[in-house]
Amino acid sequence: MRCSDNSSAQGCDFVVAVWGTEHLRVLFEAAIPTLLADGNLPAVASALPSRLIFFTTFAGERSITSQPLWHVLSQVLPVLVKVFSGADPATPAAHYAMWRAAVEDARTAGRYVFMMSPDVIWADGSLRHVGELIRSGKKAIYMVQPRLVLETALLELNGRFRDSGNGVMTIKPSQMSELALRHMHHYQAASLAGGHYLPAQPEQLLWAQPPGRLEVRSFGLDPRGFDPRHFQLDSHVFNFSAVSQPEALAFVTGPDKALAFSLCPFGQYASYHFYPKEARVLDVARWWLEWRYPPTQLVFSKPSWLSGPVPDAAGNGYPVSGRFAGKLLAADELIALALALRDHGLGRAAMYLALALETGRLHEAWRGVMPLVILAPIDAALPSLDSPEARKLLSRPDVLRGFVASHARLAGQGRQGWGNPSTRAGDEFQVRSHTVVPVSESPVNLGPELL
């Protein structure tokens, strides 16, 4: 449950849940060698009391402790191996159970917890930055980890970066960005904006811009690390309610700060992008609405860069994805609003709103300071969709948008309550009955930069 303790975490537990021959091979052939770079585990362990904890099976324990790099790890920070027998390792529930056990241990000890996948490689300096964010008081850390092709990336990692003496791999962020462009997984490439085979359930959308600049926004992003004393866990260990202050969340957005990629076998997830599909705003918004949870809207509003220059204080390098993001976030909210209207028996109002949204650009009529007050008439006050008046509206998208927009106004800042609304002509009138319908648990202010 949520804890009111605002003190800093007493250290950090870096947790890896791993078992199976292939995952253990990738862990010690690629992930651990990059974690042993000077700017990663050694740097964070020298600045913050840290532990590396492996959750695994009995067979996994024997494999981990027999690895040559096991002794190198043990000299850097305390390393624990916990054999977990509470769930069948062949099921996803095993991962959740192990992570939950790690979270509860960290909560009891007042420590931060940072989840690490066994197939992820890290640019040098990434964990140093993670330690800085933890010590600065950030309650959760978000960063994307797009996929690379395991087979080809591993060949280059072994041939180019492995130290022949100690087996450590030191990869500069710029070199990691180059790896991303050379070994991008087909599932990731299918998520490029403008492509024609968008995955059925895309994790991210990417935008490519010369010279070699790659920008990404995530639809659903679990925090890599968080302070478990400040969050309410639910059935899935990562689906927690966000802290009330967005500034307590850290979003790693630049490749110069922290950069990590997941190594994924070629061919995996191929069926996800087998059929033609494009990233259309309304299609993506409808799909996203089905499963998003707080604070995924806030996450999507934060672009990250995997390569190339990031925007500077002067505005150079402004995100090319901004307009799409603004439209998607607005569409997501408006669809949720239409569903809320329908659920409250205002079927015609919901339908008109949905049709106006379908024509596009409705959100521009409502640009401004949120929250937005929607005056939704009862069905008897609106023409049926098969009436001549409705057919005229539907044949003129601009008129339809104006008709729908006439039933909305922006609430004034600093006012107690909504007061009496007014018509577009400025005449005030009384609202005799109203219902407050929250449609978002983590609202995003759609300012001009997103619209």
Protein backbone atom coordinates (compact mmCIF):
# COMPACT_ATOMS: atom_id res chain seq x y z
CA MET A 1 0.00 0.00 0.00
CA ARG A 2 1.08 3.61 -0.41
CA CYS A 3 3.60 4.79 2.14
CA SER A 4 3.90 8.37 3.39
CA ASP A 5 7.64 8.00 4.02
CA ASN A 6 9.40 10.60 1.86
CA SER A 7 12.95 9.63 2.84
CA SER A 8 15.46 8.52 0.22
CA ALA A 9 15.95 4.82 -0.47
CA GLN A 10 18.72 3.16 1.57
CA GLY A 11 20.23 1.50 -1.49
CA CYS A 12 19.21 -0.34 -4.62
CA ASP A 13 18.54 -3.98 -5.48
CA PHE A 14 19.27 -4.78 -9.12
CA VAL A 15 17.09 -7.83 -9.87
CA VAL A 16 17.36 -10.36 -12.70
CA ALA A 17 14.83 -13.19 -13.09
CA VAL A 18 16.40 -15.80 -15.36
CA TRP A 19 16.35 -19.51 -16.13
CA GLY A 20 16.69 -21.77 -19.15
CA THR A 21 19.83 -22.56 -21.14
CA GLU A 22 19.35 -19.89 -23.84
CA HIS A 23 18.54 -17.01 -21.49
CA LEU A 24 21.44 -17.89 -19.21
CA ARG A 25 23.76 -18.02 -22.22
CA VAL A 26 22.75 -14.54 -23.43
CA LEU A 27 22.92 -13.20 -19.87
CA PHE A 28 26.58 -14.13 -19.40
CA GLU A 29 27.68 -13.75 -23.00
CA ALA A 30 26.22 -10.25 -23.52
CA ALA A 31 24.27 -8.63 -20.65
CA ILE A 32 26.69 -9.19 -17.74
CA PRO A 33 29.79 -8.18 -19.76
CA THR A 34 28.17 -4.79 -20.55
CA LEU A 35 27.01 -4.36 -16.93
CA LEU A 36 30.63 -4.79 -15.79
CA ALA A 37 31.80 -1.78 -17.81
CA ASP A 38 33.26 0.88 -15.50
CA GLY A 39 30.31 3.23 -15.91
CA ASN A 40 27.69 0.64 -15.03
CA LEU A 41 27.64 -1.68 -11.98
CA PRO A 42 31.08 -0.57 -10.69
CA ALA A 43 30.05 3.11 -10.86
CA VAL A 44 26.65 2.74 -9.21
CA ALA A 45 27.99 0.37 -6.53
CA SER A 46 30.65 2.93 -5.53
CA ALA A 47 28.06 5.69 -5.17
CA LEU A 48 25.05 3.82 -3.77
CA PRO A 49 24.77 0.69 -1.57
CA SER A 50 23.78 -1.87 -4.19
CA ARG A 51 23.13 -5.58 -4.56
CA LEU A 52 22.68 -7.79 -7.62
CA ILE A 53 20.02 -10.46 -7.04
CA PHE A 54 19.35 -13.39 -9.36
CA PHE A 55 16.00 -15.19 -9.06
CA THR A 56 16.28 -18.56 -10.76
CA THR A 57 15.72 -22.32 -10.54
CA PHE A 58 17.97 -24.96 -8.94
CA ALA A 59 19.55 -25.67 -12.34
CA GLY A 60 19.94 -21.94 -12.94
CA GLU A 61 21.76 -21.51 -9.62
CA ARG A 62 24.36 -24.10 -10.59
CA SER A 63 24.86 -22.46 -13.97
CA ILE A 64 25.17 -18.91 -12.58
CA THR A 65 27.66 -19.71 -9.83
CA SER A 66 29.86 -21.73 -12.22
CA GLN A 67 30.31 -18.85 -14.68
CA PRO A 68 33.80 -17.26 -14.85
CA LEU A 69 32.23 -13.79 -14.58
CA TRP A 70 30.52 -14.78 -11.31
CA HIS A 71 33.75 -14.09 -9.43
CA VAL A 72 34.24 -10.76 -11.22
CA LEU A 73 30.72 -9.71 -10.26
CA SER A 74 31.29 -10.69 -6.63
CA GLN A 75 34.26 -8.33 -6.43
CA VAL A 76 32.15 -5.39 -7.65
CA LEU A 77 29.09 -5.68 -5.37
CA PRO A 78 27.25 -8.24 -3.21
CA VAL A 79 25.63 -10.88 -5.44
CA LEU A 80 22.79 -13.12 -4.23
CA VAL A 81 21.15 -16.09 -5.93
CA LYS A 82 17.63 -16.91 -4.78
CA VAL A 83 16.09 -20.19 -5.87
CA PHE A 84 12.39 -19.64 -6.42
CA SER A 85 10.00 -22.59 -6.37
CA GLY A 86 6.69 -20.78 -5.94
CA ALA A 87 5.58 -20.92 -9.60
CA ASP A 88 6.10 -23.03 -12.70
CA PRO A 89 9.01 -21.38 -14.56
CA ALA A 90 7.38 -22.30 -17.87
CA THR A 91 4.61 -19.74 -17.25
CA PRO A 92 4.70 -15.90 -17.26
CA ALA A 93 3.33 -16.02 -13.71
CA ALA A 94 6.76 -17.17 -12.57
CA HIS A 95 8.33 -13.87 -13.61
CA TYR A 96 5.62 -11.87 -11.85
CA ALA A 97 5.97 -13.94 -8.69
CA MET A 98 9.74 -13.46 -8.60
CA TRP A 99 9.50 -9.74 -9.25
CA ARG A 100 6.84 -9.38 -6.58
CA ALA A 101 9.04 -11.18 -4.06
CA ALA A 102 11.91 -8.83 -4.93
CA VAL A 103 9.66 -5.79 -4.59
CA GLU A 104 8.39 -6.84 -1.18
CA ASP A 105 11.94 -7.53 0.05
CA ALA A 106 13.05 -4.08 -1.12
CA ARG A 107 10.01 -2.39 0.42
CA THR A 108 10.72 -3.97 3.80
CA ALA A 109 14.37 -2.91 3.67
CA GLY A 110 13.58 0.60 2.42
CA ARG A 111 15.53 0.01 -0.79
CA TYR A 112 15.01 0.93 -4.42
CA VAL A 113 14.40 -1.95 -6.85
CA PHE A 114 15.63 -1.97 -10.45
CA MET A 115 14.42 -4.76 -12.77
CA MET A 116 16.86 -6.01 -15.39
CA SER A 117 16.07 -8.46 -18.18
CA PRO A 118 18.68 -11.13 -18.89
CA ASP A 119 18.83 -10.29 -22.61
CA VAL A 120 19.50 -6.53 -22.35
CA ILE A 121 22.83 -4.89 -23.17
CA TRP A 122 23.81 -1.55 -21.62
CA ALA A 123 25.87 1.37 -22.89
CA ASP A 124 28.74 2.39 -20.63
CA GLY A 125 27.60 5.02 -18.11
CA SER A 126 23.93 4.02 -18.13
CA LEU A 127 23.81 2.72 -14.56
CA ARG A 128 25.89 5.63 -13.30
CA HIS A 129 23.03 7.85 -14.51
CA VAL A 130 20.48 5.51 -12.92
CA GLY A 131 22.28 5.90 -9.58
CA GLU A 132 22.23 9.68 -9.96
CA LEU A 133 18.47 9.63 -10.54
CA ILE A 134 17.90 7.44 -7.47
CA ARG A 135 20.05 9.66 -5.26
CA SER A 136 18.22 12.75 -6.57
CA GLY A 137 14.97 11.37 -5.13
CA LYS A 138 13.20 10.14 -8.28
CA LYS A 139 10.52 7.61 -7.34
CA ALA A 140 10.42 5.78 -10.66
CA ILE A 141 12.69 5.57 -13.70
CA TYR A 142 11.36 4.96 -17.21
CA MET A 143 13.52 4.13 -20.20
CA VAL A 144 12.84 2.37 -23.49
CA GLN A 145 14.69 -0.83 -24.43
CA PRO A 146 13.96 -1.51 -28.11
CA ARG A 147 14.89 -4.81 -29.72
CA LEU A 148 17.95 -5.78 -31.76
CA VAL A 149 18.46 -9.01 -33.69
CA LEU A 150 20.22 -11.34 -31.25
CA GLU A 151 22.17 -13.42 -33.77
CA THR A 152 23.77 -10.57 -35.74
CA ALA A 153 24.25 -8.17 -32.81
CA LEU A 154 25.98 -10.84 -30.75
CA LEU A 155 28.49 -11.47 -33.55
CA GLU A 156 29.48 -7.80 -33.57
CA LEU A 157 29.53 -7.56 -29.77
CA ASN A 158 31.92 -10.50 -29.47
CA GLY A 159 34.15 -9.44 -32.32
CA ARG A 160 34.34 -5.74 -31.58
CA PHE A 161 33.79 -4.99 -27.91
CA ARG A 162 34.77 -7.98 -25.74
CA ASP A 163 37.97 -7.51 -23.73
CA SER A 164 40.03 -10.64 -24.37
CA GLY A 165 41.48 -10.44 -20.87
CA ASN A 166 38.47 -10.14 -18.55
CA GLY A 167 35.50 -10.59 -20.92
CA VAL A 168 34.04 -7.15 -20.15
CA MET A 169 32.32 -5.17 -22.93
CA THR A 170 32.59 -1.38 -22.86
CA ILE A 171 30.24 0.20 -25.42
CA LYS A 172 30.02 3.97 -25.72
CA PRO A 173 26.51 5.42 -26.14
CA SER A 174 27.35 6.55 -29.69
CA GLN A 175 28.51 3.02 -30.53
CA MET A 176 25.32 1.59 -29.03
CA SER A 177 23.27 3.90 -31.25
CA GLU A 178 25.15 2.60 -34.27
CA LEU A 179 24.35 -0.96 -33.20
CA ALA A 180 20.67 -0.02 -33.06
CA LEU A 181 20.67 1.21 -36.64
CA ARG A 182 22.59 -1.82 -37.96
CA HIS A 183 20.81 -4.58 -36.05
CA MET A 184 17.27 -3.27 -35.55
CA HIS A 185 14.85 -6.16 -35.06
CA HIS A 186 12.17 -6.60 -37.72
CA TYR A 187 9.46 -6.19 -35.05
CA GLN A 188 10.98 -2.79 -34.22
CA ALA A 189 11.42 -1.81 -37.85
CA ALA A 190 7.76 -2.61 -38.50
CA SER A 191 6.92 0.04 -35.88
CA LEU A 192 8.51 2.86 -37.89
CA ALA A 193 5.99 5.61 -38.61
CA GLY A 194 5.01 5.57 -42.25
CA GLY A 195 5.46 1.80 -42.56
CA HIS A 196 2.78 -0.52 -43.86
CA TYR A 197 3.05 -3.50 -41.48
CA LEU A 198 2.54 -2.05 -38.03
CA PRO A 199 2.53 -4.84 -35.38
CA ALA A 200 -0.88 -5.88 -34.10
CA GLN A 201 0.14 -4.77 -30.60
CA PRO A 202 2.92 -2.21 -31.05
CA GLU A 203 5.00 -1.40 -28.00
CA GLN A 204 6.40 1.75 -29.56
CA LEU A 205 6.32 3.96 -32.60
CA LEU A 206 9.59 5.14 -34.11
CA TRP A 207 10.41 8.08 -36.35
CA ALA A 208 13.55 8.14 -38.47
CA GLN A 209 15.05 11.45 -39.53
CA PRO A 210 18.35 12.08 -41.29
CA PRO A 211 21.14 12.10 -40.45
CA GLY A 212 20.73 8.90 -38.42
CA ARG A 213 18.30 10.34 -35.87
CA LEU A 214 15.87 7.83 -34.35
CA GLU A 215 13.04 8.98 -32.11
CA VAL A 216 10.68 6.71 -30.16
CA ARG A 217 7.49 6.97 -28.11
CA SER A 218 6.14 4.07 -26.05
CA PHE A 219 2.49 3.07 -25.68
CA GLY A 220 3.00 1.06 -22.53
CA LEU A 221 6.23 1.30 -20.60
CA ASP A 222 6.98 -0.33 -17.28
CA PRO A 223 9.40 1.51 -15.03
CA ARG A 224 12.80 -0.11 -14.97
CA GLY A 225 13.23 0.94 -11.35
CA PHE A 226 11.11 2.40 -8.58
CA ASP A 227 10.88 2.96 -4.85
CA PRO A 228 8.28 0.37 -3.75
CA ARG A 229 7.39 2.40 -0.65
CA HIS A 230 5.61 4.97 -2.80
CA PHE A 231 3.39 2.84 -4.99
CA GLN A 232 0.25 0.75 -4.80
CA LEU A 233 0.84 -2.60 -6.46
CA ASP A 234 -2.00 -4.53 -8.07
CA SER A 235 -2.29 -7.94 -9.72
CA HIS A 236 0.55 -7.24 -12.15
CA VAL A 237 3.66 -6.16 -10.32
CA PHE A 238 4.22 -3.16 -12.59
CA ASN A 239 0.66 -1.87 -12.94
CA PHE A 240 0.82 0.54 -10.06
CA SER A 241 -0.77 3.90 -9.48
CA ALA A 242 1.68 6.71 -10.13
CA VAL A 243 2.78 9.12 -7.47
CA SER A 244 0.76 12.31 -7.52
CA GLN A 245 3.72 14.48 -8.60
CA PRO A 246 4.84 13.79 -12.20
CA GLU A 247 8.14 15.50 -11.39
CA ALA A 248 8.96 12.52 -9.16
CA LEU A 249 9.12 10.32 -12.28
CA ALA A 250 12.31 10.23 -14.34
CA PHE A 251 12.17 9.71 -18.11
CA VAL A 252 15.50 8.87 -19.70
CA THR A 253 15.20 10.56 -23.09
CA GLY A 254 18.69 10.94 -24.48
CA PRO A 255 21.19 8.33 -25.67
CA ASP A 256 23.97 10.24 -23.91
CA LYS A 257 22.42 9.49 -20.47
CA ALA A 258 21.39 5.85 -20.50
CA LEU A 259 20.87 3.48 -23.37
CA ALA A 260 19.92 -0.19 -23.40
CA PHE A 261 18.65 -2.66 -26.00
CA SER A 262 17.02 -6.07 -25.78
CA LEU A 263 18.49 -8.90 -27.86
CA CYS A 264 15.67 -10.79 -29.54
CA PRO A 265 15.99 -13.85 -31.82
CA PHE A 266 15.33 -13.23 -35.48
CA GLY A 267 11.85 -14.40 -36.41
CA GLN A 268 10.34 -13.90 -32.97
CA TYR A 269 7.09 -11.88 -33.12
CA ALA A 270 7.04 -12.16 -36.93
CA SER A 271 3.36 -13.09 -36.86
CA TYR A 272 2.60 -9.77 -35.12
CA HIS A 273 3.28 -7.79 -38.31
CA PHE A 274 2.32 -10.31 -40.98
CA TYR A 275 -0.64 -8.36 -42.34
CA PRO A 276 -0.69 -4.82 -43.80
CA LYS A 277 -1.49 -2.16 -41.21
CA GLU A 278 -0.59 1.50 -40.85
CA ALA A 279 -0.30 3.77 -37.83
CA ARG A 280 -3.54 5.73 -38.19
CA VAL A 281 -4.40 7.88 -35.19
CA LEU A 282 -7.92 6.59 -34.56
CA ASP A 283 -7.02 2.93 -35.09
CA VAL A 284 -4.13 3.20 -32.65
CA ALA A 285 -6.25 5.17 -30.15
CA ARG A 286 -9.02 2.54 -30.15
CA TRP A 287 -6.54 -0.27 -29.57
CA TRP A 288 -4.63 1.66 -26.90
CA LEU A 289 -7.77 2.48 -24.95
CA GLU A 290 -8.44 -1.20 -24.33
CA TRP A 291 -5.42 -1.88 -22.16
CA ARG A 292 -3.56 1.28 -21.17
CA TYR A 293 -3.09 2.05 -17.51
CA PRO A 294 -1.70 5.07 -15.65
CA PRO A 295 0.66 6.66 -16.38
CA THR A 296 0.95 5.42 -19.98
CA GLN A 297 -0.44 8.67 -21.42
CA LEU A 298 2.26 10.59 -19.60
CA VAL A 299 4.85 8.08 -20.84
CA PHE A 300 3.75 8.50 -24.48
CA SER A 301 3.98 12.28 -24.17
CA LYS A 302 7.73 11.91 -23.48
CA PRO A 303 9.82 11.18 -26.59
CA SER A 304 13.17 9.40 -26.35
CA TRP A 305 16.05 9.38 -28.77
CA LEU A 306 17.96 6.22 -29.59
CA SER A 307 20.46 7.91 -31.88
CA GLY A 308 21.32 11.29 -33.30
CA PRO A 309 21.17 14.75 -31.67
CA VAL A 310 18.50 15.43 -29.07
CA PRO A 311 16.60 18.75 -28.84
CA ASP A 312 18.54 21.53 -27.15
CA ALA A 313 17.43 24.54 -25.12
CA ALA A 314 17.14 26.60 -28.29
CA GLY A 315 14.58 24.19 -29.73
CA ASN A 316 16.89 22.69 -32.34
CA GLY A 317 16.00 19.10 -33.12
CA TYR A 318 12.34 19.41 -32.11
CA PRO A 319 10.63 15.99 -31.97
CA VAL A 320 9.15 15.07 -35.35
CA SER A 321 6.61 12.87 -33.56
CA GLY A 322 5.00 15.75 -31.66
CA ARG A 323 2.02 16.30 -33.93
CA PHE A 324 1.14 12.59 -34.11
CA ALA A 325 1.48 12.33 -30.32
CA GLY A 326 -0.83 15.28 -29.78
CA LYS A 327 -3.48 13.88 -32.09
CA LEU A 328 -3.25 10.42 -30.52
CA LEU A 329 -3.50 11.68 -26.93
CA ALA A 330 -6.45 13.89 -27.85
CA ALA A 331 -8.18 11.07 -29.72
CA ASP A 332 -7.62 8.73 -26.79
CA GLU A 333 -9.30 11.17 -24.41
CA LEU A 334 -12.18 11.94 -26.77
CA ILE A 335 -12.91 8.26 -27.42
CA ALA A 336 -12.92 7.65 -23.67
CA LEU A 337 -15.29 10.58 -23.30
CA ALA A 338 -17.62 9.27 -26.02
CA LEU A 339 -17.74 5.88 -24.28
CA ALA A 340 -18.49 7.59 -20.96
CA LEU A 341 -21.35 9.54 -22.57
CA ARG A 342 -22.75 6.36 -24.07
CA ASP A 343 -22.55 4.57 -20.72
CA HIS A 344 -24.56 7.41 -19.15
CA GLY A 345 -27.39 6.99 -21.65
CA LEU A 346 -26.33 9.85 -23.92
CA GLY A 347 -26.04 7.69 -27.01
CA ARG A 348 -26.65 10.37 -29.65
CA ALA A 349 -24.18 12.79 -28.07
CA ALA A 350 -21.60 10.00 -28.00
CA MET A 351 -22.24 9.16 -31.64
CA TYR A 352 -21.96 12.77 -32.81
CA LEU A 353 -18.73 13.17 -30.86
CA ALA A 354 -17.31 9.98 -32.38
CA LEU A 355 -18.28 11.02 -35.91
CA ALA A 356 -16.76 14.47 -35.46
CA LEU A 357 -13.58 12.84 -34.17
CA GLU A 358 -13.54 10.55 -37.22
CA THR A 359 -13.35 13.61 -39.48
CA GLY A 360 -10.14 14.69 -37.78
CA ARG A 361 -8.80 17.87 -36.17
CA LEU A 362 -11.67 18.17 -33.66
CA HIS A 363 -9.15 18.63 -30.86
CA GLU A 364 -7.98 21.88 -32.44
CA ALA A 365 -11.38 23.41 -31.75
CA TRP A 366 -10.81 22.62 -28.07
CA ARG A 367 -7.19 23.72 -27.82
CA GLY A 368 -6.45 25.53 -24.59
CA VAL A 369 -6.24 25.03 -20.88
CA MET A 370 -7.85 21.92 -19.47
CA PRO A 371 -10.17 20.77 -17.99
CA LEU A 372 -12.81 20.75 -20.66
CA VAL A 373 -16.50 20.99 -19.77
CA ILE A 374 -18.72 19.00 -22.12
CA LEU A 375 -22.40 19.91 -22.29
CA ALA A 376 -23.96 16.73 -23.55
CA PRO A 377 -27.67 17.05 -24.39
CA ILE A 378 -30.03 14.16 -23.82
CA ASP A 379 -31.02 12.13 -26.87
CA ALA A 380 -34.35 13.92 -27.24
CA ALA A 381 -32.53 17.21 -27.81
CA LEU A 382 -30.47 15.94 -30.73
CA PRO A 383 -31.64 14.90 -34.20
CA SER A 384 -31.48 11.18 -34.89
CA LEU A 385 -28.70 10.08 -37.20
CA ASP A 386 -31.14 9.19 -39.98
CA SER A 387 -32.81 12.60 -40.00
CA PRO A 388 -32.27 15.13 -42.84
CA GLU A 389 -30.56 17.51 -40.41
CA ALA A 390 -28.11 14.80 -39.30
CA ARG A 391 -27.38 13.78 -42.91
CA LYS A 392 -26.57 17.39 -43.69
CA LEU A 393 -24.20 17.58 -40.73
CA LEU A 394 -22.52 14.31 -41.68
CA SER A 395 -21.97 15.51 -45.25
CA ARG A 396 -20.10 18.61 -44.02
CA PRO A 397 -17.26 17.69 -41.63
CA ASP A 398 -16.52 21.34 -40.88
CA VAL A 399 -20.15 22.00 -39.91
CA LEU A 400 -20.26 18.81 -37.85
CA ARG A 401 -17.14 19.81 -35.93
CA GLY A 402 -18.64 23.22 -35.24
CA PHE A 403 -21.90 21.64 -34.11
CA VAL A 404 -20.11 19.37 -31.64
CA ALA A 405 -17.68 22.07 -30.50
CA SER A 406 -20.63 24.34 -29.68
CA HIS A 407 -21.42 21.99 -26.79
CA ALA A 408 -18.07 22.55 -25.07
CA ARG A 409 -16.27 25.31 -23.28
CA LEU A 410 -13.07 25.63 -21.28
CA ALA A 411 -13.22 26.09 -17.53
CA GLY A 412 -11.67 29.31 -16.21
CA GLN A 413 -8.56 29.05 -14.11
CA GLY A 414 -8.86 29.52 -10.34
CA ARG A 415 -12.64 29.33 -10.23
CA GLN A 416 -14.43 27.34 -7.58
CA GLY A 417 -16.79 25.00 -9.38
CA TRP A 418 -17.87 25.47 -12.96
CA GLY A 419 -20.27 28.35 -12.50
CA ASN A 420 -23.02 28.93 -15.03
CA PRO A 421 -22.02 27.97 -18.59
CA SER A 422 -22.80 30.25 -21.47
CA THR A 423 -23.75 29.86 -25.10
CA ARG A 424 -21.32 30.73 -27.86
CA ALA A 425 -23.13 34.06 -28.04
CA GLY A 426 -22.23 34.72 -24.41
CA ASP A 427 -25.66 34.18 -22.84
CA GLU A 428 -25.53 32.37 -19.49
CA PHE A 429 -27.97 29.57 -18.72
CA GLN A 430 -28.63 27.18 -15.87
CA VAL A 431 -27.63 23.50 -15.91
CA ARG A 432 -30.38 21.70 -14.02
CA SER A 433 -28.68 18.28 -13.91
CA HIS A 434 -25.10 17.21 -14.39
CA THR A 435 -22.75 14.29 -13.83
CA VAL A 436 -18.99 14.55 -13.40
CA VAL A 437 -17.35 11.82 -15.48
CA PRO A 438 -13.57 11.42 -15.08
CA VAL A 439 -12.20 9.87 -18.27
CA SER A 440 -8.49 9.86 -17.47
CA GLU A 441 -6.54 9.01 -14.35
CA SER A 442 -3.37 10.67 -15.62
CA PRO A 443 -4.42 13.65 -17.79
CA VAL A 444 -1.88 15.13 -20.14
CA ASN A 445 -2.01 18.85 -20.90
CA LEU A 446 -2.13 19.04 -24.69
CA GLY A 447 -0.32 22.31 -25.14
CA PRO A 448 0.50 23.95 -28.49
CA GLU A 449 3.75 21.96 -28.75
CA LEU A 450 1.75 18.74 -29.09
CA LEU A 451 -1.02 20.13 -31.25
